[in-house]
C-alpha cells in the first residue's frame, strides 16, 4: 500500500481527466468543482477506457464511451445498465503542488 504521485495540481483543471497506470492498475483522476476524484479507469461492463468517456460536472459522473454506462465518481456506483459492478475508488490528497492517490 502506498501513496503514488500522479500529477501536479495545476494539470488538473476542472473537467480534465488524467489517466495513469501503476503496476496492474489503470486509474483516472479528475477534478470537478475543486474536488479531486480517483477511480478505476476501465469500465466494469466491458473493456473500455473511461478516460476517453464523458464527464458530467453537474452530476459528478463519468460515462463509458462504449455502451454509455454512467458511474458516480464519489462512490464508483453504476447509475445505469449495462454495467452493474461499481468502479473501485481511491483515496487521494494534495500535498504542495502534487496530487497523490492511495493504492493498495
N, C-alpha and C. Protein backbone atom coordinates (compact mmCIF):
# COMPACT_ATOMS: atom_id res chain seq x y z
N UNK A 1 0.84 -1.18 0.00
CA UNK A 1 0.00 0.00 0.00
C UNK A 1 0.89 1.24 0.00
N UNK A 2 0.55 2.17 -0.88
CA UNK A 2 1.41 3.33 -0.99
C UNK A 2 0.68 4.53 -1.60
N UNK A 3 1.17 5.70 -1.29
CA UNK A 3 0.69 6.92 -1.93
C UNK A 3 1.51 7.12 -3.19
N UNK A 4 0.85 7.26 -4.33
CA UNK A 4 1.52 7.42 -5.62
C UNK A 4 1.33 8.85 -6.12
N UNK A 5 2.42 9.49 -6.48
CA UNK A 5 2.37 10.84 -7.05
C UNK A 5 1.87 10.72 -8.49
N UNK A 6 0.70 11.31 -8.76
CA UNK A 6 0.06 11.16 -10.07
C UNK A 6 0.39 12.32 -11.00
N UNK A 7 0.25 13.54 -10.50
CA UNK A 7 0.45 14.70 -11.35
C UNK A 7 0.56 15.95 -10.49
N UNK A 8 0.88 17.04 -11.14
CA UNK A 8 0.87 18.34 -10.47
C UNK A 8 -0.58 18.82 -10.38
N UNK A 9 -0.89 19.56 -9.33
CA UNK A 9 -2.25 20.06 -9.13
C UNK A 9 -2.71 20.91 -10.30
N UNK A 10 -1.82 21.75 -10.83
CA UNK A 10 -2.23 22.66 -11.91
C UNK A 10 -2.52 21.96 -13.23
N UNK A 11 -2.16 20.68 -13.37
CA UNK A 11 -2.51 19.90 -14.56
C UNK A 11 -4.00 19.55 -14.54
N UNK A 12 -4.55 19.46 -13.34
CA UNK A 12 -5.95 19.05 -13.18
C UNK A 12 -6.88 20.25 -13.19
N UNK A 13 -7.00 20.90 -14.32
CA UNK A 13 -8.03 21.93 -14.45
C UNK A 13 -9.38 21.26 -14.26
N UNK A 14 -10.38 22.01 -13.80
CA UNK A 14 -11.71 21.42 -13.67
C UNK A 14 -12.11 20.79 -14.99
N UNK A 15 -12.67 19.62 -14.94
CA UNK A 15 -13.19 18.80 -16.03
C UNK A 15 -12.13 18.15 -16.91
N UNK A 16 -10.88 18.14 -16.50
CA UNK A 16 -9.83 17.42 -17.22
C UNK A 16 -9.64 16.07 -16.56
N UNK A 17 -9.34 15.05 -17.38
CA UNK A 17 -9.09 13.70 -16.88
C UNK A 17 -7.62 13.36 -17.09
N UNK A 18 -6.97 12.86 -16.04
CA UNK A 18 -5.60 12.37 -16.15
C UNK A 18 -5.66 10.85 -15.99
N UNK A 19 -5.10 10.14 -16.97
CA UNK A 19 -5.05 8.68 -16.92
C UNK A 19 -3.63 8.26 -16.53
N UNK A 20 -3.53 7.25 -15.67
CA UNK A 20 -2.20 6.74 -15.34
C UNK A 20 -2.28 5.27 -14.96
N UNK A 21 -1.16 4.61 -15.11
CA UNK A 21 -1.04 3.20 -14.78
C UNK A 21 -0.06 3.06 -13.62
N UNK A 22 -0.37 2.15 -12.72
CA UNK A 22 0.55 1.83 -11.63
C UNK A 22 0.49 0.32 -11.43
N UNK A 23 1.58 -0.34 -11.73
CA UNK A 23 1.62 -1.81 -11.75
C UNK A 23 0.48 -2.31 -12.65
N UNK A 24 -0.44 -3.09 -12.12
CA UNK A 24 -1.53 -3.61 -12.95
C UNK A 24 -2.80 -2.75 -12.88
N UNK A 25 -2.75 -1.63 -12.17
CA UNK A 25 -3.92 -0.76 -12.02
C UNK A 25 -3.96 0.30 -13.12
N UNK A 26 -5.14 0.52 -13.67
CA UNK A 26 -5.39 1.59 -14.63
C UNK A 26 -6.37 2.54 -13.95
N UNK A 27 -5.92 3.75 -13.70
CA UNK A 27 -6.66 4.68 -12.84
C UNK A 27 -6.86 6.00 -13.56
N UNK A 28 -7.99 6.65 -13.26
CA UNK A 28 -8.19 8.01 -13.76
C UNK A 28 -8.37 8.95 -12.57
N UNK A 29 -7.91 10.16 -12.77
CA UNK A 29 -8.05 11.21 -11.76
C UNK A 29 -8.65 12.41 -12.46
N UNK A 30 -9.62 13.03 -11.80
CA UNK A 30 -10.24 14.23 -12.36
C UNK A 30 -10.59 15.19 -11.23
N UNK A 31 -10.85 16.41 -11.59
CA UNK A 31 -11.24 17.41 -10.60
C UNK A 31 -12.51 18.08 -11.10
N UNK A 32 -13.52 18.09 -10.23
CA UNK A 32 -14.79 18.76 -10.53
C UNK A 32 -15.11 19.67 -9.35
N UNK A 33 -15.40 20.91 -9.65
CA UNK A 33 -15.73 21.89 -8.63
C UNK A 33 -14.71 21.87 -7.49
N UNK A 34 -13.45 21.83 -7.87
CA UNK A 34 -12.30 21.87 -6.95
C UNK A 34 -12.17 20.66 -6.03
N UNK A 35 -12.86 19.56 -6.33
CA UNK A 35 -12.68 18.32 -5.59
C UNK A 35 -12.06 17.29 -6.52
N UNK A 36 -11.09 16.55 -6.01
CA UNK A 36 -10.41 15.54 -6.81
C UNK A 36 -11.04 14.18 -6.58
N UNK A 37 -11.20 13.42 -7.67
CA UNK A 37 -11.75 12.07 -7.64
C UNK A 37 -10.76 11.13 -8.32
N UNK A 38 -10.65 9.90 -7.81
CA UNK A 38 -9.81 8.89 -8.42
C UNK A 38 -10.58 7.57 -8.44
N UNK A 39 -10.66 6.95 -9.62
CA UNK A 39 -11.37 5.68 -9.77
C UNK A 39 -10.61 4.78 -10.74
N UNK A 40 -11.04 3.51 -10.80
CA UNK A 40 -10.55 2.66 -11.86
C UNK A 40 -10.88 3.31 -13.19
N UNK A 41 -10.05 3.03 -14.18
CA UNK A 41 -10.20 3.67 -15.48
C UNK A 41 -10.92 2.78 -16.48
N UNK A 42 -11.07 1.50 -16.18
CA UNK A 42 -11.67 0.55 -17.13
C UNK A 42 -13.09 0.23 -16.69
N UNK A 43 -14.03 0.36 -17.62
CA UNK A 43 -15.44 0.07 -17.34
C UNK A 43 -15.60 -1.35 -16.83
N UNK A 44 -16.50 -1.55 -15.89
CA UNK A 44 -16.72 -2.87 -15.30
C UNK A 44 -17.61 -3.76 -16.17
N UNK A 45 -18.22 -3.20 -17.18
CA UNK A 45 -19.08 -3.99 -18.07
C UNK A 45 -18.27 -4.67 -19.16
N UNK A 46 -17.49 -3.90 -19.87
CA UNK A 46 -16.68 -4.41 -20.97
C UNK A 46 -15.46 -3.51 -21.07
N UNK A 47 -14.37 -4.05 -21.57
CA UNK A 47 -13.12 -3.28 -21.56
C UNK A 47 -13.26 -2.02 -22.39
N UNK A 48 -13.36 -0.89 -21.72
CA UNK A 48 -13.39 0.43 -22.35
C UNK A 48 -12.71 1.40 -21.40
N UNK A 49 -11.89 2.27 -21.96
CA UNK A 49 -11.13 3.22 -21.17
C UNK A 49 -11.99 4.44 -20.85
N UNK A 50 -12.33 4.60 -19.58
CA UNK A 50 -13.22 5.69 -19.16
C UNK A 50 -12.57 7.06 -19.28
N UNK A 51 -11.25 7.10 -19.41
CA UNK A 51 -10.61 8.41 -19.56
C UNK A 51 -10.94 9.04 -20.91
N UNK A 52 -11.50 8.25 -21.81
CA UNK A 52 -11.97 8.79 -23.10
C UNK A 52 -13.49 8.95 -23.09
N UNK A 53 -14.08 8.80 -21.91
CA UNK A 53 -15.53 8.91 -21.76
C UNK A 53 -15.97 10.36 -21.57
N UNK A 54 -17.18 10.51 -21.07
CA UNK A 54 -17.82 11.81 -20.96
C UNK A 54 -18.01 12.19 -19.50
N UNK A 55 -17.43 13.29 -19.12
CA UNK A 55 -17.51 13.78 -17.75
C UNK A 55 -18.71 14.70 -17.62
N UNK A 56 -19.52 14.49 -16.57
CA UNK A 56 -20.65 15.37 -16.30
C UNK A 56 -20.37 16.07 -14.97
N UNK A 57 -20.04 17.34 -15.04
CA UNK A 57 -19.69 18.09 -13.84
C UNK A 57 -20.86 18.25 -12.88
N UNK A 58 -22.07 18.46 -13.40
CA UNK A 58 -23.23 18.67 -12.54
C UNK A 58 -23.57 17.41 -11.75
N UNK A 59 -23.52 16.27 -12.41
CA UNK A 59 -23.85 15.00 -11.75
C UNK A 59 -22.65 14.34 -11.09
N UNK A 60 -21.45 14.84 -11.40
CA UNK A 60 -20.19 14.24 -10.92
C UNK A 60 -20.12 12.78 -11.30
N UNK A 61 -20.27 12.54 -12.61
CA UNK A 61 -20.23 11.19 -13.16
C UNK A 61 -19.29 11.12 -14.35
N UNK A 62 -18.90 9.90 -14.67
CA UNK A 62 -18.16 9.60 -15.89
C UNK A 62 -18.99 8.57 -16.66
N UNK A 63 -19.15 8.80 -17.96
CA UNK A 63 -19.94 7.90 -18.81
C UNK A 63 -19.01 7.14 -19.74
N UNK A 64 -19.21 5.85 -19.82
CA UNK A 64 -18.40 4.98 -20.67
C UNK A 64 -18.63 5.33 -22.14
N UNK A 65 -17.54 5.45 -22.92
CA UNK A 65 -17.69 5.79 -24.32
C UNK A 65 -18.21 4.63 -25.18
N UNK A 66 -18.22 3.42 -24.65
CA UNK A 66 -18.60 2.25 -25.44
C UNK A 66 -20.10 1.95 -25.36
N UNK A 67 -20.63 1.74 -24.17
CA UNK A 67 -22.05 1.39 -24.01
C UNK A 67 -22.80 2.37 -23.12
N UNK A 68 -22.17 3.47 -22.75
CA UNK A 68 -22.81 4.60 -22.05
C UNK A 68 -23.27 4.32 -20.62
N UNK A 69 -22.66 3.32 -19.96
CA UNK A 69 -22.91 3.19 -18.52
C UNK A 69 -22.32 4.41 -17.83
N UNK A 70 -22.99 4.89 -16.81
CA UNK A 70 -22.58 6.10 -16.10
C UNK A 70 -22.23 5.71 -14.66
N UNK A 71 -21.11 6.23 -14.17
CA UNK A 71 -20.62 5.91 -12.83
C UNK A 71 -20.46 7.17 -12.00
N UNK A 72 -20.88 7.10 -10.71
CA UNK A 72 -20.64 8.20 -9.78
C UNK A 72 -19.15 8.23 -9.44
N UNK A 73 -18.55 9.39 -9.54
CA UNK A 73 -17.12 9.50 -9.24
C UNK A 73 -16.84 9.34 -7.75
N UNK A 74 -17.74 9.78 -6.91
CA UNK A 74 -17.54 9.71 -5.45
C UNK A 74 -17.54 8.27 -4.95
N UNK A 75 -18.50 7.46 -5.42
CA UNK A 75 -18.68 6.11 -4.90
C UNK A 75 -18.31 5.01 -5.87
N UNK A 76 -18.24 5.33 -7.16
CA UNK A 76 -17.98 4.32 -8.18
C UNK A 76 -19.23 3.56 -8.62
N UNK A 77 -20.36 3.83 -8.00
CA UNK A 77 -21.60 3.08 -8.27
C UNK A 77 -22.09 3.35 -9.69
N UNK A 78 -22.49 2.27 -10.36
CA UNK A 78 -23.06 2.38 -11.71
C UNK A 78 -24.48 2.93 -11.61
N UNK A 79 -24.80 3.89 -12.46
CA UNK A 79 -26.11 4.53 -12.45
C UNK A 79 -27.09 3.91 -13.44
N UNK A 80 -26.59 3.12 -14.40
CA UNK A 80 -27.47 2.53 -15.40
C UNK A 80 -26.78 1.33 -16.05
N UNK A 81 -27.59 0.43 -16.64
CA UNK A 81 -27.02 -0.71 -17.35
C UNK A 81 -26.32 -0.24 -18.63
N UNK A 82 -25.48 -1.04 -19.19
CA UNK A 82 -25.28 -2.45 -18.87
C UNK A 82 -24.35 -2.72 -17.69
N UNK A 83 -23.57 -1.77 -17.24
CA UNK A 83 -22.67 -2.03 -16.10
C UNK A 83 -23.47 -2.18 -14.81
N UNK A 84 -23.09 -3.18 -14.04
CA UNK A 84 -23.75 -3.42 -12.75
C UNK A 84 -22.76 -3.34 -11.60
N UNK A 85 -21.50 -3.61 -11.87
CA UNK A 85 -20.46 -3.64 -10.85
C UNK A 85 -19.87 -2.24 -10.71
N UNK A 86 -19.70 -1.75 -9.48
CA UNK A 86 -19.13 -0.41 -9.29
C UNK A 86 -17.64 -0.37 -9.62
N UNK A 87 -17.16 0.82 -9.91
CA UNK A 87 -15.73 1.05 -10.06
C UNK A 87 -15.09 1.13 -8.68
N UNK A 88 -13.85 0.73 -8.58
CA UNK A 88 -13.12 0.96 -7.35
C UNK A 88 -12.74 2.44 -7.29
N UNK A 89 -12.90 3.04 -6.13
CA UNK A 89 -12.48 4.42 -5.93
C UNK A 89 -11.24 4.42 -5.04
N UNK A 90 -10.49 5.51 -5.10
CA UNK A 90 -9.23 5.60 -4.38
C UNK A 90 -9.17 6.88 -3.57
N UNK A 91 -8.63 6.76 -2.36
CA UNK A 91 -8.36 7.95 -1.56
C UNK A 91 -7.30 8.77 -2.27
N UNK A 92 -7.39 10.08 -2.11
CA UNK A 92 -6.41 10.95 -2.74
C UNK A 92 -6.16 12.15 -1.85
N UNK A 93 -5.05 12.83 -2.14
CA UNK A 93 -4.72 14.02 -1.36
C UNK A 93 -3.83 14.93 -2.20
N UNK A 94 -3.81 16.20 -1.80
CA UNK A 94 -2.90 17.17 -2.39
C UNK A 94 -1.86 17.53 -1.34
N UNK A 95 -0.61 17.51 -1.73
CA UNK A 95 0.47 17.96 -0.86
C UNK A 95 1.35 18.86 -1.69
N UNK A 96 1.48 20.10 -1.25
CA UNK A 96 2.23 21.06 -2.05
C UNK A 96 1.53 21.24 -3.38
N UNK A 97 2.25 21.02 -4.45
CA UNK A 97 1.68 21.14 -5.80
C UNK A 97 1.44 19.78 -6.43
N UNK A 98 1.37 18.71 -5.64
CA UNK A 98 1.23 17.36 -6.18
C UNK A 98 -0.07 16.70 -5.75
N UNK A 99 -0.59 15.85 -6.62
CA UNK A 99 -1.77 15.02 -6.33
C UNK A 99 -1.28 13.59 -6.12
N UNK A 100 -1.71 12.99 -5.03
CA UNK A 100 -1.34 11.63 -4.69
C UNK A 100 -2.61 10.76 -4.61
N UNK A 101 -2.48 9.50 -5.02
CA UNK A 101 -3.56 8.53 -4.92
C UNK A 101 -3.04 7.36 -4.10
N UNK A 102 -3.89 6.88 -3.17
CA UNK A 102 -3.51 5.74 -2.31
C UNK A 102 -3.90 4.44 -3.01
N UNK A 103 -2.90 3.63 -3.29
CA UNK A 103 -3.14 2.38 -4.00
C UNK A 103 -2.77 1.22 -3.09
N UNK A 104 -3.73 0.31 -2.90
CA UNK A 104 -3.47 -0.84 -2.03
C UNK A 104 -3.11 -2.07 -2.81
